[in-house]
Amino acid sequence: MSDNLQERIAHYNDLVRQYEQSENEIKLFLGTDGKTDELRADKLQKYRELANRRDDLFSEIRAIEQELFLDE
């Protein structure tokens, strides 16, 4: 396996770990007040930040998956 491919796979695995951590952080955040249906304005902003981070990670994961599968 080439070094470049190994680096991309390692980066991919790191992104997956970050994504999973982000998912857990969102779950913990939503569970803190017991209400997931209605978030106060201040909490809604924090949720949006967490969700945007998670979504960015997911997009990057998908892009790397496309690269890796196209290279095969």
N, C-alpha and C. Protein backbone atom coordinates (compact mmCIF):
# COMPACT_ATOMS: atom_id res chain seq x y z
N MET A 1 0.86 -1.18 0.00
CA MET A 1 0.00 0.00 0.00
C MET A 1 0.90 1.24 0.00
N SER A 2 0.60 2.20 -0.86
CA SER A 2 1.43 3.39 -0.93
C SER A 2 1.25 4.26 0.31
N ASP A 3 2.28 5.08 0.56
CA ASP A 3 2.22 5.97 1.72
C ASP A 3 1.05 6.94 1.62
N ASN A 4 0.79 7.44 0.42
CA ASN A 4 -0.31 8.38 0.22
C ASN A 4 -1.65 7.71 0.56
N LEU A 5 -1.82 6.49 0.13
CA LEU A 5 -3.06 5.77 0.42
C LEU A 5 -3.18 5.51 1.92
N GLN A 6 -2.08 5.13 2.55
CA GLN A 6 -2.10 4.90 3.99
C GLN A 6 -2.43 6.18 4.75
N GLU A 7 -1.89 7.30 4.28
CA GLU A 7 -2.19 8.59 4.91
C GLU A 7 -3.67 8.94 4.76
N ARG A 8 -4.22 8.70 3.59
CA ARG A 8 -5.64 9.00 3.36
C ARG A 8 -6.53 8.12 4.22
N ILE A 9 -6.16 6.86 4.36
CA ILE A 9 -6.94 5.94 5.19
C ILE A 9 -6.85 6.36 6.66
N ALA A 10 -5.66 6.74 7.10
CA ALA A 10 -5.48 7.20 8.48
C ALA A 10 -6.30 8.47 8.72
N HIS A 11 -6.29 9.38 7.75
CA HIS A 11 -7.08 10.60 7.86
C HIS A 11 -8.57 10.26 7.92
N TYR A 12 -9.00 9.34 7.08
CA TYR A 12 -10.38 8.89 7.07
C TYR A 12 -10.78 8.33 8.44
N ASN A 13 -9.95 7.45 8.98
CA ASN A 13 -10.24 6.86 10.29
C ASN A 13 -10.32 7.94 11.38
N ASP A 14 -9.44 8.94 11.30
CA ASP A 14 -9.48 10.04 12.26
C ASP A 14 -10.79 10.82 12.13
N LEU A 15 -11.21 11.08 10.90
CA LEU A 15 -12.48 11.79 10.69
C LEU A 15 -13.67 11.00 11.24
N VAL A 16 -13.65 9.70 11.04
CA VAL A 16 -14.74 8.86 11.56
C VAL A 16 -14.78 8.94 13.08
N ARG A 17 -13.64 8.91 13.73
CA ARG A 17 -13.59 9.04 15.19
C ARG A 17 -14.13 10.41 15.63
N GLN A 18 -13.72 11.45 14.92
CA GLN A 18 -14.21 12.80 15.25
C GLN A 18 -15.72 12.89 15.05
N TYR A 19 -16.21 12.27 13.99
CA TYR A 19 -17.65 12.28 13.71
C TYR A 19 -18.41 11.58 14.84
N GLU A 20 -17.91 10.43 15.24
CA GLU A 20 -18.56 9.68 16.32
C GLU A 20 -18.54 10.49 17.62
N GLN A 21 -17.45 11.17 17.90
CA GLN A 21 -17.37 12.02 19.09
C GLN A 21 -18.38 13.16 18.99
N SER A 22 -18.50 13.72 17.80
CA SER A 22 -19.44 14.81 17.58
C SER A 22 -20.88 14.33 17.80
N GLU A 23 -21.20 13.16 17.28
CA GLU A 23 -22.52 12.57 17.48
C GLU A 23 -22.82 12.39 18.97
N ASN A 24 -21.86 11.86 19.69
CA ASN A 24 -22.04 11.65 21.13
C ASN A 24 -22.20 12.98 21.87
N GLU A 25 -21.44 13.99 21.45
CA GLU A 25 -21.55 15.29 22.09
C GLU A 25 -22.95 15.88 21.87
N ILE A 26 -23.49 15.71 20.68
CA ILE A 26 -24.84 16.20 20.40
C ILE A 26 -25.86 15.44 21.24
N LYS A 27 -25.73 14.13 21.32
CA LYS A 27 -26.66 13.33 22.12
C LYS A 27 -26.62 13.76 23.58
N LEU A 28 -25.42 13.97 24.11
CA LEU A 28 -25.30 14.42 25.50
C LEU A 28 -25.89 15.81 25.67
N PHE A 29 -25.63 16.67 24.72
CA PHE A 29 -26.15 18.03 24.79
C PHE A 29 -27.67 18.04 24.79
N LEU A 30 -28.27 17.28 23.91
CA LEU A 30 -29.73 17.24 23.83
C LEU A 30 -30.35 16.60 25.06
N GLY A 31 -29.63 15.71 25.69
CA GLY A 31 -30.16 15.03 26.86
C GLY A 31 -30.00 15.81 28.15
N THR A 32 -29.29 16.94 28.13
CA THR A 32 -28.99 17.65 29.37
C THR A 32 -30.22 18.27 30.01
N ASP A 33 -31.18 18.75 29.21
CA ASP A 33 -32.34 19.38 29.83
C ASP A 33 -33.60 18.53 29.70
N GLY A 34 -33.45 17.36 29.10
CA GLY A 34 -34.58 16.45 28.98
C GLY A 34 -35.58 16.83 27.91
N LYS A 35 -35.38 17.96 27.26
CA LYS A 35 -36.30 18.39 26.21
C LYS A 35 -35.56 18.51 24.89
N THR A 36 -35.91 17.65 23.96
CA THR A 36 -35.29 17.75 22.65
C THR A 36 -36.22 18.45 21.66
N ASP A 37 -37.48 18.58 21.99
CA ASP A 37 -38.44 19.20 21.08
C ASP A 37 -38.30 20.71 21.04
N GLU A 38 -38.01 21.28 22.17
CA GLU A 38 -37.92 22.74 22.25
C GLU A 38 -36.60 23.12 22.89
N LEU A 39 -35.79 23.82 22.12
CA LEU A 39 -34.53 24.31 22.66
C LEU A 39 -34.62 25.82 22.83
N ARG A 40 -34.12 26.29 23.94
CA ARG A 40 -34.06 27.74 24.13
C ARG A 40 -33.12 28.33 23.10
N ALA A 41 -33.24 29.62 22.85
CA ALA A 41 -32.45 30.28 21.81
C ALA A 41 -30.95 30.09 22.01
N ASP A 42 -30.48 30.20 23.26
CA ASP A 42 -29.05 30.04 23.51
C ASP A 42 -28.59 28.60 23.24
N LYS A 43 -29.42 27.66 23.62
CA LYS A 43 -29.08 26.26 23.39
C LYS A 43 -29.21 25.89 21.92
N LEU A 44 -30.14 26.53 21.23
CA LEU A 44 -30.32 26.27 19.81
C LEU A 44 -29.07 26.67 19.03
N GLN A 45 -28.47 27.78 19.40
CA GLN A 45 -27.24 28.23 18.74
C GLN A 45 -26.12 27.20 18.95
N LYS A 46 -25.98 26.73 20.16
CA LYS A 46 -24.95 25.72 20.46
C LYS A 46 -25.22 24.43 19.68
N TYR A 47 -26.48 24.02 19.63
CA TYR A 47 -26.84 22.82 18.87
C TYR A 47 -26.49 23.00 17.39
N ARG A 48 -26.79 24.16 16.85
CA ARG A 48 -26.47 24.41 15.43
C ARG A 48 -24.97 24.31 15.19
N GLU A 49 -24.17 24.84 16.10
CA GLU A 49 -22.72 24.76 15.97
C GLU A 49 -22.26 23.30 15.98
N LEU A 50 -22.78 22.53 16.92
CA LEU A 50 -22.41 21.11 17.01
C LEU A 50 -22.85 20.35 15.76
N ALA A 51 -24.07 20.61 15.32
CA ALA A 51 -24.60 19.92 14.16
C ALA A 51 -23.84 20.30 12.89
N ASN A 52 -23.48 21.57 12.76
CA ASN A 52 -22.70 21.99 11.59
C ASN A 52 -21.34 21.32 11.56
N ARG A 53 -20.70 21.22 12.71
CA ARG A 53 -19.41 20.54 12.80
C ARG A 53 -19.56 19.08 12.39
N ARG A 54 -20.59 18.43 12.92
CA ARG A 54 -20.84 17.03 12.57
C ARG A 54 -21.08 16.88 11.07
N ASP A 55 -21.89 17.77 10.51
CA ASP A 55 -22.20 17.70 9.09
C ASP A 55 -20.97 17.94 8.22
N ASP A 56 -20.11 18.86 8.64
CA ASP A 56 -18.86 19.10 7.90
C ASP A 56 -17.98 17.85 7.91
N LEU A 57 -17.89 17.21 9.06
CA LEU A 57 -17.10 15.97 9.15
C LEU A 57 -17.68 14.90 8.25
N PHE A 58 -18.99 14.77 8.25
CA PHE A 58 -19.64 13.76 7.41
C PHE A 58 -19.36 14.02 5.93
N SER A 59 -19.43 15.28 5.52
CA SER A 59 -19.15 15.62 4.12
C SER A 59 -17.72 15.26 3.74
N GLU A 60 -16.80 15.54 4.64
CA GLU A 60 -15.40 15.22 4.37
C GLU A 60 -15.19 13.71 4.31
N ILE A 61 -15.86 12.98 5.18
CA ILE A 61 -15.79 11.51 5.17
C ILE A 61 -16.28 10.98 3.83
N ARG A 62 -17.42 11.48 3.38
CA ARG A 62 -17.99 11.01 2.11
C ARG A 62 -17.06 11.31 0.93
N ALA A 63 -16.44 12.49 0.96
CA ALA A 63 -15.52 12.86 -0.12
C ALA A 63 -14.33 11.91 -0.16
N ILE A 64 -13.79 11.58 1.00
CA ILE A 64 -12.65 10.66 1.05
C ILE A 64 -13.08 9.27 0.61
N GLU A 65 -14.27 8.84 1.02
CA GLU A 65 -14.77 7.54 0.56
C GLU A 65 -14.84 7.49 -0.95
N GLN A 66 -15.32 8.55 -1.56
CA GLN A 66 -15.40 8.60 -3.02
C GLN A 66 -14.01 8.48 -3.64
N GLU A 67 -13.04 9.20 -3.09
CA GLU A 67 -11.66 9.12 -3.59
C GLU A 67 -11.11 7.71 -3.45
N LEU A 68 -11.30 7.12 -2.28
CA LEU A 68 -10.74 5.80 -2.03
C LEU A 68 -11.36 4.74 -2.94
N PHE A 69 -12.65 4.82 -3.13
CA PHE A 69 -13.32 3.82 -3.96
C PHE A 69 -13.02 4.03 -5.44
N LEU A 70 -12.81 5.25 -5.85
CA LEU A 70 -12.45 5.52 -7.25
C LEU A 70 -11.04 5.08 -7.56
N ASP A 71 -10.18 5.10 -6.54
CA ASP A 71 -8.78 4.70 -6.72
C ASP A 71 -8.62 3.20 -6.82
N GLU A 72 -9.59 2.45 -6.38
CA GLU A 72 -9.44 0.98 -6.35
C GLU A 72 -9.55 0.37 -7.71
